[in-house]
C-alpha atoms as a PDB file:
ATOM      1  CA  UNK A   1     -11.689  13.611 -24.821  1.00  0.00           C
ATOM      2  CA  UNK A   2     -11.468  11.868 -21.243  1.00  0.00           C
ATOM      3  CA  UNK A   3      -8.806   8.942 -20.995  1.00  0.00           C
ATOM      4  CA  UNK A   4     -10.102   6.026 -19.546  1.00  0.00           C
ATOM      5  CA  UNK A   5      -8.298   6.707 -16.327  1.00  0.00           C
ATOM      6  CA  UNK A   6     -10.243  10.073 -15.943  1.00  0.00           C
ATOM      7  CA  UNK A   7     -13.817   8.475 -16.657  1.00  0.00           C
ATOM      8  CA  UNK A   8     -16.154   9.768 -14.011  1.00  0.00           C
ATOM      9  CA  UNK A   9     -16.841   6.462 -10.992  1.00  0.00           C
ATOM     10  CA  UNK A  10     -20.034   6.490  -9.322  1.00  0.00           C
ATOM     11  CA  UNK A  11     -20.909   4.910  -6.208  1.00  0.00           C
ATOM     12  CA  UNK A  12     -22.713   1.313  -6.626  1.00  0.00           C
ATOM     13  CA  UNK A  13     -25.647   2.667  -4.884  1.00  0.00           C
ATOM     14  CA  UNK A  14     -26.076   4.864  -7.499  1.00  0.00           C
ATOM     15  CA  UNK A  15     -26.165   2.445 -10.349  1.00  0.00           C
ATOM     16  CA  UNK A  16     -30.251   1.460 -11.760  1.00  0.00           C
ATOM     17  CA  UNK A  17     -31.437  -2.338 -11.743  1.00  0.00           C
ATOM     18  CA  UNK A  18     -30.168  -4.286 -14.812  1.00  0.00           C
ATOM     19  CA  UNK A  19     -26.809  -2.263 -15.304  1.00  0.00           C
ATOM     20  CA  UNK A  20     -23.655  -4.132 -15.026  1.00  0.00           C
ATOM     21  CA  UNK A  21     -20.383  -2.085 -14.045  1.00  0.00           C
ATOM     22  CA  UNK A  22     -17.244  -2.646 -13.144  1.00  0.00           C
ATOM     23  CA  UNK A  23     -15.277  -2.236  -9.420  1.00  0.00           C
ATOM     24  CA  UNK A  24     -12.490   0.568 -10.273  1.00  0.00           C
ATOM     25  CA  UNK A  25     -12.088   1.740  -6.339  1.00  0.00           C
ATOM     26  CA  UNK A  26     -13.138   1.264  -2.679  1.00  0.00           C
ATOM     27  CA  UNK A  27     -13.994   4.388  -0.630  1.00  0.00           C
ATOM     28  CA  UNK A  28     -13.091   5.148   2.811  1.00  0.00           C
ATOM     29  CA  UNK A  29     -11.441   1.453   3.109  1.00  0.00           C
ATOM     30  CA  UNK A  30     -11.218   0.194   6.259  1.00  0.00           C
ATOM     31  CA  UNK A  31      -9.793  -3.887   7.396  1.00  0.00           C
ATOM     32  CA  UNK A  32     -13.388  -4.857   8.015  1.00  0.00           C
ATOM     33  CA  UNK A  33     -14.668  -3.960   4.480  1.00  0.00           C
ATOM     34  CA  UNK A  34     -12.258  -5.554   3.032  1.00  0.00           C
ATOM     35  CA  UNK A  35     -12.568  -8.936   5.076  1.00  0.00           C
ATOM     36  CA  UNK A  36     -15.818  -8.817   3.645  1.00  0.00           C
ATOM     37  CA  UNK A  37     -15.194  -8.098   0.411  1.00  0.00           C
ATOM     38  CA  UNK A  38     -12.657 -10.534   0.186  1.00  0.00           C
ATOM     39  CA  UNK A  39     -14.858 -13.325   1.907  1.00  0.00           C
ATOM     40  CA  UNK A  40     -17.332 -12.002  -0.884  1.00  0.00           C
ATOM     41  CA  UNK A  41     -14.360 -12.969  -3.566  1.00  0.00           C
ATOM     42  CA  UNK A  42     -15.109  -9.344  -4.940  1.00  0.00           C
ATOM     43  CA  UNK A  43     -12.087  -7.879  -5.653  1.00  0.00           C
ATOM     44  CA  UNK A  44     -11.101  -4.812  -8.178  1.00  0.00           C
ATOM     45  CA  UNK A  45     -12.083  -5.449 -11.750  1.00  0.00           C
ATOM     46  CA  UNK A  46     -15.181  -7.698 -10.766  1.00  0.00           C
ATOM     47  CA  UNK A  47     -18.325  -7.083 -12.969  1.00  0.00           C
ATOM     48  CA  UNK A  48     -21.489  -6.812 -11.173  1.00  0.00           C
ATOM     49  CA  UNK A  49     -24.541  -6.666 -12.400  1.00  0.00           C
ATOM     50  CA  UNK A  50     -27.278  -4.770 -10.200  1.00  0.00           C
ATOM     51  CA  UNK A  51     -30.843  -6.604 -10.279  1.00  0.00           C
ATOM     52  CA  UNK A  52     -32.767  -5.016  -7.880  1.00  0.00           C
ATOM     53  CA  UNK A  53     -32.994  -2.313  -5.386  1.00  0.00           C
ATOM     54  CA  UNK A  54     -35.178  -2.713  -2.156  1.00  0.00           C
ATOM     55  CA  UNK A  55     -37.319   0.452  -1.497  1.00  0.00           C
ATOM     56  CA  UNK A  56     -37.061  -0.342   2.343  1.00  0.00           C
ATOM     57  CA  UNK A  57     -33.449   0.200   2.760  1.00  0.00           C
ATOM     58  CA  UNK A  58     -31.262   0.666  -0.268  1.00  0.00           C
ATOM     59  CA  UNK A  59     -29.870  -2.647  -0.370  1.00  0.00           C
ATOM     60  CA  UNK A  60     -28.885  -4.266  -3.334  1.00  0.00           C
ATOM     61  CA  UNK A  61     -28.998  -7.484  -5.009  1.00  0.00           C
ATOM     62  CA  UNK A  62     -26.457  -8.114  -7.271  1.00  0.00           C
ATOM     63  CA  UNK A  63     -25.110 -11.004  -9.163  1.00  0.00           C
ATOM     64  CA  UNK A  64     -21.055 -11.019 -10.301  1.00  0.00           C
ATOM     65  CA  UNK A  65     -18.965 -13.710 -11.600  1.00  0.00           C
ATOM     66  CA  UNK A  66     -21.568 -15.842 -12.321  1.00  0.00           C
ATOM     67  CA  UNK A  67     -22.398 -16.718  -8.827  1.00  0.00           C
ATOM     68  CA  UNK A  68     -25.671 -16.756  -7.039  1.00  0.00           C
ATOM     69  CA  UNK A  69     -27.315 -13.373  -6.069  1.00  0.00           C
ATOM     70  CA  UNK A  70     -26.528 -11.795  -2.686  1.00  0.00           C
ATOM     71  CA  UNK A  71     -27.830  -8.685  -1.097  1.00  0.00           C
ATOM     72  CA  UNK A  72     -25.268  -5.751  -0.228  1.00  0.00           C
ATOM     73  CA  UNK A  73     -26.283  -3.084   2.615  1.00  0.00           C
ATOM     74  CA  UNK A  74     -26.756   0.365   0.593  1.00  0.00           C
ATOM     75  CA  UNK A  75     -23.508   1.166   3.607  1.00  0.00           C
ATOM     76  CA  UNK A  76     -21.073  -0.847   1.518  1.00  0.00           C
ATOM     77  CA  UNK A  77     -22.830  -0.086  -1.757  1.00  0.00           C
ATOM     78  CA  UNK A  78     -21.801   3.715  -0.979  1.00  0.00           C
ATOM     79  CA  UNK A  79     -18.467   2.669  -0.913  1.00  0.00           C
ATOM     80  CA  UNK A  80     -17.986   0.247  -3.919  1.00  0.00           C
ATOM     81  CA  UNK A  81     -16.559   2.928  -7.201  1.00  0.00           C
ATOM     82  CA  UNK A  82     -18.142   1.593 -10.469  1.00  0.00           C
ATOM     83  CA  UNK A  83     -17.254   2.548 -13.862  1.00  0.00           C
END
């Protein structure tokens, strides 16, 4: 049996709509990405609900911490590792 620390992490971009997940890591982080996430108040441990995926560009409409829904680009969503 896998320990919680060994659970597989997926990119947020792979999570289907109407699922809630927790942010556990950031892949290939950069100063700019960390600044962007900080502005949105998204940090490790944040619970994120995927509300919708835009078919045109695969951006995600997400909600977290009871805040109004926002759109996250596929580029960002691919770097947010969740479980």
